[in-house]
N, C-alpha and C. Protein backbone atom coordinates (compact mmCIF):
# COMPACT_ATOMS: atom_id res chain seq x y z
N UNK A 1 23.14 -27.32 -12.01
CA UNK A 1 22.58 -26.09 -11.51
C UNK A 1 23.08 -25.89 -10.08
N UNK A 2 23.68 -24.75 -9.84
CA UNK A 2 24.27 -24.44 -8.55
C UNK A 2 23.30 -23.62 -7.72
N UNK A 3 23.27 -23.84 -6.42
CA UNK A 3 22.41 -23.09 -5.52
C UNK A 3 23.16 -22.04 -4.73
N UNK A 4 24.37 -21.78 -5.10
CA UNK A 4 25.14 -20.75 -4.40
C UNK A 4 24.74 -19.38 -4.90
N UNK A 5 24.72 -18.38 -4.00
CA UNK A 5 24.32 -17.04 -4.45
C UNK A 5 25.36 -16.45 -5.40
N UNK A 6 24.87 -15.73 -6.35
CA UNK A 6 25.76 -15.05 -7.30
C UNK A 6 26.07 -15.88 -8.53
N UNK A 7 25.79 -17.15 -8.52
CA UNK A 7 26.07 -17.94 -9.71
C UNK A 7 24.85 -17.93 -10.61
N UNK A 8 25.02 -17.62 -11.88
CA UNK A 8 23.87 -17.56 -12.79
C UNK A 8 23.34 -18.95 -13.11
N UNK A 9 22.06 -18.99 -13.35
CA UNK A 9 21.45 -20.24 -13.77
C UNK A 9 21.83 -20.48 -15.23
N UNK A 10 22.08 -21.71 -15.62
CA UNK A 10 22.52 -21.97 -16.99
C UNK A 10 21.44 -21.66 -18.03
N UNK A 11 20.19 -21.81 -17.68
CA UNK A 11 19.14 -21.61 -18.68
C UNK A 11 18.48 -20.23 -18.58
N UNK A 12 19.02 -19.31 -17.76
CA UNK A 12 18.44 -17.97 -17.68
C UNK A 12 18.98 -17.11 -18.82
N UNK A 13 18.10 -16.44 -19.55
CA UNK A 13 18.56 -15.61 -20.67
C UNK A 13 19.25 -14.35 -20.17
N UNK A 14 20.22 -13.91 -20.90
CA UNK A 14 20.93 -12.68 -20.57
C UNK A 14 20.43 -11.60 -21.53
N UNK A 15 19.89 -10.53 -20.95
CA UNK A 15 19.35 -9.44 -21.75
C UNK A 15 20.38 -8.32 -21.84
N UNK A 16 20.50 -7.68 -23.00
CA UNK A 16 21.45 -6.57 -23.11
C UNK A 16 20.95 -5.36 -22.32
N UNK A 17 21.89 -4.60 -21.83
CA UNK A 17 21.54 -3.39 -21.08
C UNK A 17 21.12 -2.32 -22.07
N UNK A 18 19.95 -1.75 -21.83
CA UNK A 18 19.43 -0.71 -22.70
C UNK A 18 19.94 0.64 -22.22
N UNK A 19 20.67 1.34 -23.04
CA UNK A 19 21.23 2.62 -22.67
C UNK A 19 20.33 3.79 -23.07
N UNK A 20 19.14 3.50 -23.53
CA UNK A 20 18.24 4.57 -23.94
C UNK A 20 17.72 5.29 -22.70
N UNK A 21 17.61 6.61 -22.75
CA UNK A 21 17.09 7.34 -21.59
C UNK A 21 15.61 7.04 -21.38
N UNK A 22 15.15 7.12 -20.14
CA UNK A 22 13.72 6.88 -19.89
C UNK A 22 12.89 7.97 -20.56
N UNK A 23 11.65 7.66 -20.90
CA UNK A 23 10.81 8.68 -21.55
C UNK A 23 10.57 9.85 -20.61
N UNK A 24 10.55 11.03 -21.19
CA UNK A 24 10.35 12.25 -20.40
C UNK A 24 8.92 12.31 -19.88
N UNK A 25 8.75 12.70 -18.61
CA UNK A 25 7.39 12.81 -18.08
C UNK A 25 6.67 13.98 -18.75
N UNK A 26 5.38 13.88 -18.78
CA UNK A 26 4.58 14.95 -19.37
C UNK A 26 4.49 16.07 -18.34
N UNK A 27 5.15 17.16 -18.63
CA UNK A 27 5.27 18.25 -17.66
C UNK A 27 3.97 19.01 -17.48
N UNK A 28 3.16 19.12 -18.50
CA UNK A 28 1.94 19.91 -18.37
C UNK A 28 0.97 19.26 -17.40
N UNK A 29 0.98 17.94 -17.30
CA UNK A 29 0.09 17.27 -16.36
C UNK A 29 0.51 17.55 -14.92
N UNK A 30 1.80 17.54 -14.68
CA UNK A 30 2.30 17.85 -13.34
C UNK A 30 2.02 19.29 -12.95
N UNK A 31 2.19 20.18 -13.90
CA UNK A 31 1.91 21.60 -13.63
C UNK A 31 0.42 21.82 -13.37
N UNK A 32 -0.42 21.17 -14.16
CA UNK A 32 -1.86 21.31 -13.97
C UNK A 32 -2.27 20.77 -12.60
N UNK A 33 -1.73 19.63 -12.21
CA UNK A 33 -2.03 19.06 -10.90
C UNK A 33 -1.55 19.98 -9.78
N UNK A 34 -0.39 20.58 -9.94
CA UNK A 34 0.13 21.50 -8.93
C UNK A 34 -0.76 22.74 -8.81
N UNK A 35 -1.19 23.27 -9.95
CA UNK A 35 -2.06 24.45 -9.92
C UNK A 35 -3.41 24.12 -9.29
N UNK A 36 -3.97 22.95 -9.63
CA UNK A 36 -5.25 22.55 -9.03
C UNK A 36 -5.12 22.36 -7.51
N UNK A 37 -4.02 21.75 -7.08
CA UNK A 37 -3.80 21.57 -5.65
C UNK A 37 -3.63 22.92 -4.95
N UNK A 38 -2.92 23.84 -5.58
CA UNK A 38 -2.71 25.16 -4.99
C UNK A 38 -4.02 25.92 -4.87
N UNK A 39 -4.85 25.86 -5.89
CA UNK A 39 -6.15 26.53 -5.84
C UNK A 39 -7.03 25.93 -4.75
N UNK A 40 -7.06 24.60 -4.67
CA UNK A 40 -7.87 23.94 -3.65
C UNK A 40 -7.37 24.29 -2.25
N UNK A 41 -6.07 24.24 -2.06
CA UNK A 41 -5.49 24.56 -0.76
C UNK A 41 -5.75 26.01 -0.37
N UNK A 42 -5.66 26.91 -1.33
CA UNK A 42 -5.93 28.32 -1.06
C UNK A 42 -7.39 28.54 -0.68
N UNK A 43 -8.31 27.89 -1.38
CA UNK A 43 -9.73 28.05 -1.07
C UNK A 43 -10.08 27.50 0.31
N UNK A 44 -9.55 26.34 0.63
CA UNK A 44 -9.80 25.76 1.96
C UNK A 44 -9.21 26.66 3.04
N UNK A 45 -8.01 27.17 2.78
CA UNK A 45 -7.38 28.06 3.75
C UNK A 45 -8.17 29.34 3.94
N UNK A 46 -8.64 29.92 2.87
CA UNK A 46 -9.44 31.15 2.97
C UNK A 46 -10.73 30.90 3.75
N UNK A 47 -11.35 29.76 3.50
CA UNK A 47 -12.56 29.40 4.25
C UNK A 47 -12.25 29.26 5.73
N UNK A 48 -11.16 28.58 6.06
CA UNK A 48 -10.82 28.36 7.47
C UNK A 48 -10.38 29.64 8.17
N UNK A 49 -9.89 30.61 7.43
CA UNK A 49 -9.51 31.89 8.03
C UNK A 49 -10.75 32.74 8.31
N UNK A 50 -11.70 32.75 7.40
CA UNK A 50 -12.84 33.67 7.51
C UNK A 50 -14.01 33.07 8.29
N UNK A 51 -14.35 31.84 8.05
CA UNK A 51 -15.61 31.28 8.57
C UNK A 51 -15.71 31.21 10.09
N UNK A 52 -14.66 30.89 10.84
CA UNK A 52 -14.85 30.84 12.30
C UNK A 52 -15.29 32.15 12.92
N UNK A 53 -15.07 33.27 12.27
CA UNK A 53 -15.41 34.56 12.85
C UNK A 53 -16.75 35.09 12.34
N UNK A 54 -17.46 34.30 11.54
CA UNK A 54 -18.79 34.68 11.06
C UNK A 54 -19.85 34.23 12.07
N UNK A 55 -21.04 34.83 11.97
CA UNK A 55 -22.14 34.43 12.85
C UNK A 55 -22.65 33.03 12.55
N UNK A 56 -22.51 32.58 11.32
CA UNK A 56 -22.99 31.25 10.95
C UNK A 56 -22.12 30.13 11.51
N UNK A 57 -20.98 30.46 12.12
CA UNK A 57 -20.11 29.46 12.74
C UNK A 57 -20.84 28.71 13.85
N UNK A 58 -21.72 29.38 14.58
CA UNK A 58 -22.41 28.75 15.70
C UNK A 58 -23.66 27.99 15.29
N UNK A 59 -24.09 28.12 14.06
CA UNK A 59 -25.30 27.44 13.59
C UNK A 59 -24.92 26.19 12.81
N UNK A 60 -24.55 25.12 13.53
CA UNK A 60 -24.17 23.90 12.85
C UNK A 60 -24.51 22.69 13.71
N UNK A 61 -24.37 21.54 13.13
CA UNK A 61 -24.72 20.28 13.78
C UNK A 61 -23.74 19.93 14.90
N UNK A 62 -22.47 20.17 14.69
CA UNK A 62 -21.44 19.71 15.62
C UNK A 62 -21.50 20.42 16.97
N UNK A 63 -21.99 21.63 16.98
CA UNK A 63 -22.04 22.37 18.22
C UNK A 63 -23.08 21.79 19.18
N UNK A 64 -24.15 21.24 18.67
CA UNK A 64 -25.21 20.73 19.52
C UNK A 64 -25.02 19.30 20.00
N UNK A 65 -23.94 18.65 19.66
CA UNK A 65 -23.72 17.26 20.06
C UNK A 65 -23.55 17.13 21.57
N UNK A 66 -22.76 17.99 22.15
CA UNK A 66 -22.46 17.89 23.57
C UNK A 66 -22.17 19.29 24.12
N UNK A 67 -22.46 19.52 25.40
CA UNK A 67 -22.16 20.84 25.98
C UNK A 67 -20.67 21.16 25.98
N UNK A 68 -19.81 20.13 26.11
CA UNK A 68 -18.37 20.37 26.09
C UNK A 68 -17.94 20.89 24.72
N UNK A 69 -18.49 20.28 23.67
CA UNK A 69 -18.15 20.72 22.32
C UNK A 69 -18.68 22.13 22.07
N UNK A 70 -19.87 22.42 22.62
CA UNK A 70 -20.44 23.76 22.45
C UNK A 70 -19.54 24.81 23.11
N UNK A 71 -19.03 24.50 24.28
CA UNK A 71 -18.12 25.43 24.96
C UNK A 71 -16.83 25.61 24.16
N UNK A 72 -16.28 24.49 23.68
CA UNK A 72 -15.05 24.55 22.90
C UNK A 72 -15.27 25.28 21.58
N UNK A 73 -16.41 25.05 20.97
CA UNK A 73 -16.70 25.63 19.65
C UNK A 73 -16.75 27.15 19.70
N UNK A 74 -17.25 27.71 20.82
CA UNK A 74 -17.36 29.16 20.95
C UNK A 74 -16.11 29.81 21.53
N UNK A 75 -15.15 29.02 21.92
CA UNK A 75 -13.92 29.53 22.52
C UNK A 75 -13.08 30.26 21.46
N UNK A 76 -12.65 31.49 21.74
CA UNK A 76 -11.84 32.22 20.76
C UNK A 76 -10.51 31.54 20.43
N UNK A 77 -9.96 30.82 21.39
CA UNK A 77 -8.68 30.15 21.10
C UNK A 77 -8.88 29.01 20.09
N UNK A 78 -10.03 28.34 20.13
CA UNK A 78 -10.32 27.29 19.15
C UNK A 78 -10.51 27.91 17.77
N UNK A 79 -11.21 29.05 17.74
CA UNK A 79 -11.38 29.75 16.47
C UNK A 79 -10.03 30.20 15.92
N UNK A 80 -9.14 30.63 16.81
CA UNK A 80 -7.80 31.02 16.40
C UNK A 80 -7.00 29.84 15.87
N UNK A 81 -7.20 28.67 16.48
CA UNK A 81 -6.54 27.45 16.01
C UNK A 81 -6.99 27.11 14.59
N UNK A 82 -8.28 27.19 14.35
CA UNK A 82 -8.81 26.91 13.01
C UNK A 82 -8.31 27.95 12.02
N UNK A 83 -8.25 29.20 12.44
CA UNK A 83 -7.74 30.27 11.58
C UNK A 83 -6.27 30.04 11.26
N UNK A 84 -5.49 29.61 12.25
CA UNK A 84 -4.08 29.30 12.01
C UNK A 84 -3.91 28.17 11.02
N UNK A 85 -4.77 27.17 11.11
CA UNK A 85 -4.74 26.08 10.13
C UNK A 85 -5.05 26.60 8.73
N UNK A 86 -5.95 27.57 8.65
CA UNK A 86 -6.25 28.18 7.36
C UNK A 86 -5.05 28.93 6.79
N UNK A 87 -4.31 29.63 7.67
CA UNK A 87 -3.11 30.32 7.20
C UNK A 87 -2.04 29.34 6.73
N UNK A 88 -1.97 28.18 7.37
CA UNK A 88 -1.03 27.15 6.92
C UNK A 88 -1.42 26.67 5.53
N UNK A 89 -2.71 26.48 5.27
CA UNK A 89 -3.16 26.07 3.94
C UNK A 89 -2.84 27.13 2.90
N UNK A 90 -3.03 28.38 3.23
CA UNK A 90 -2.71 29.46 2.29
C UNK A 90 -1.21 29.49 2.02
N UNK A 91 -0.40 29.31 3.05
CA UNK A 91 1.05 29.27 2.88
C UNK A 91 1.47 28.13 1.96
N UNK A 92 0.85 26.97 2.14
CA UNK A 92 1.17 25.82 1.28
C UNK A 92 0.80 26.12 -0.17
N UNK A 93 -0.34 26.76 -0.39
CA UNK A 93 -0.75 27.11 -1.75
C UNK A 93 0.23 28.07 -2.40
N UNK A 94 0.64 29.10 -1.66
CA UNK A 94 1.59 30.07 -2.21
C UNK A 94 2.93 29.40 -2.47
N UNK A 95 3.35 28.53 -1.57
CA UNK A 95 4.62 27.82 -1.75
C UNK A 95 4.59 26.94 -3.00
N UNK A 96 3.48 26.27 -3.27
CA UNK A 96 3.36 25.44 -4.46
C UNK A 96 3.47 26.28 -5.73
N UNK A 97 2.81 27.42 -5.75
CA UNK A 97 2.86 28.29 -6.94
C UNK A 97 4.27 28.84 -7.14
N UNK A 98 4.92 29.27 -6.06
CA UNK A 98 6.28 29.80 -6.17
C UNK A 98 7.23 28.72 -6.68
N UNK A 99 7.11 27.51 -6.15
CA UNK A 99 7.97 26.42 -6.62
C UNK A 99 7.69 26.08 -8.09
N UNK A 100 6.45 26.16 -8.50
CA UNK A 100 6.11 25.88 -9.89
C UNK A 100 6.77 26.90 -10.82
N UNK A 101 6.66 28.18 -10.48
CA UNK A 101 7.26 29.20 -11.34
C UNK A 101 8.78 29.20 -11.23
N UNK A 102 9.31 28.84 -10.09
CA UNK A 102 10.77 28.76 -9.95
C UNK A 102 11.31 27.62 -10.82
N UNK A 103 10.62 26.48 -10.81
CA UNK A 103 11.03 25.35 -11.66
C UNK A 103 10.92 25.72 -13.12
N UNK A 104 9.87 26.43 -13.48
CA UNK A 104 9.68 26.81 -14.88
C UNK A 104 10.78 27.76 -15.33
N UNK A 105 11.16 28.71 -14.47
CA UNK A 105 12.18 29.68 -14.88
C UNK A 105 13.57 29.03 -14.95
N UNK A 106 13.85 28.05 -14.11
CA UNK A 106 15.16 27.37 -14.19
C UNK A 106 15.21 26.37 -15.34
N UNK A 107 14.08 25.82 -15.74
CA UNK A 107 14.08 24.84 -16.82
C UNK A 107 14.15 25.49 -18.19
N UNK A 108 13.80 26.78 -18.30
CA UNK A 108 13.85 27.44 -19.61
C UNK A 108 15.21 28.04 -19.90
N UNK A 109 16.13 28.02 -18.97
CA UNK A 109 17.46 28.58 -19.19
C UNK A 109 18.31 27.68 -20.01
């Protein structure tokens, strides 16, 4: 038995190379997961776009923790930041749906 790299062990079995293609992934599960993610992302984004500008935004636990947080919480620029994050979520949701339909249209050709 040799300890040099690249030399096969005498008692190691040699397996034939299988040329069979790997099993195809189940496409409907991936599509369903993509649609669920897009719906979730869209809903979170819509919430983050609308909720900071509602009156109920100021009635929460986090605002009363500290005066600094209360000042930041009522700041329009912070509300704009949260709204921008909501638009990013909506963009991600739309992008997922567009990619899903683009993949579907190219795979049916």
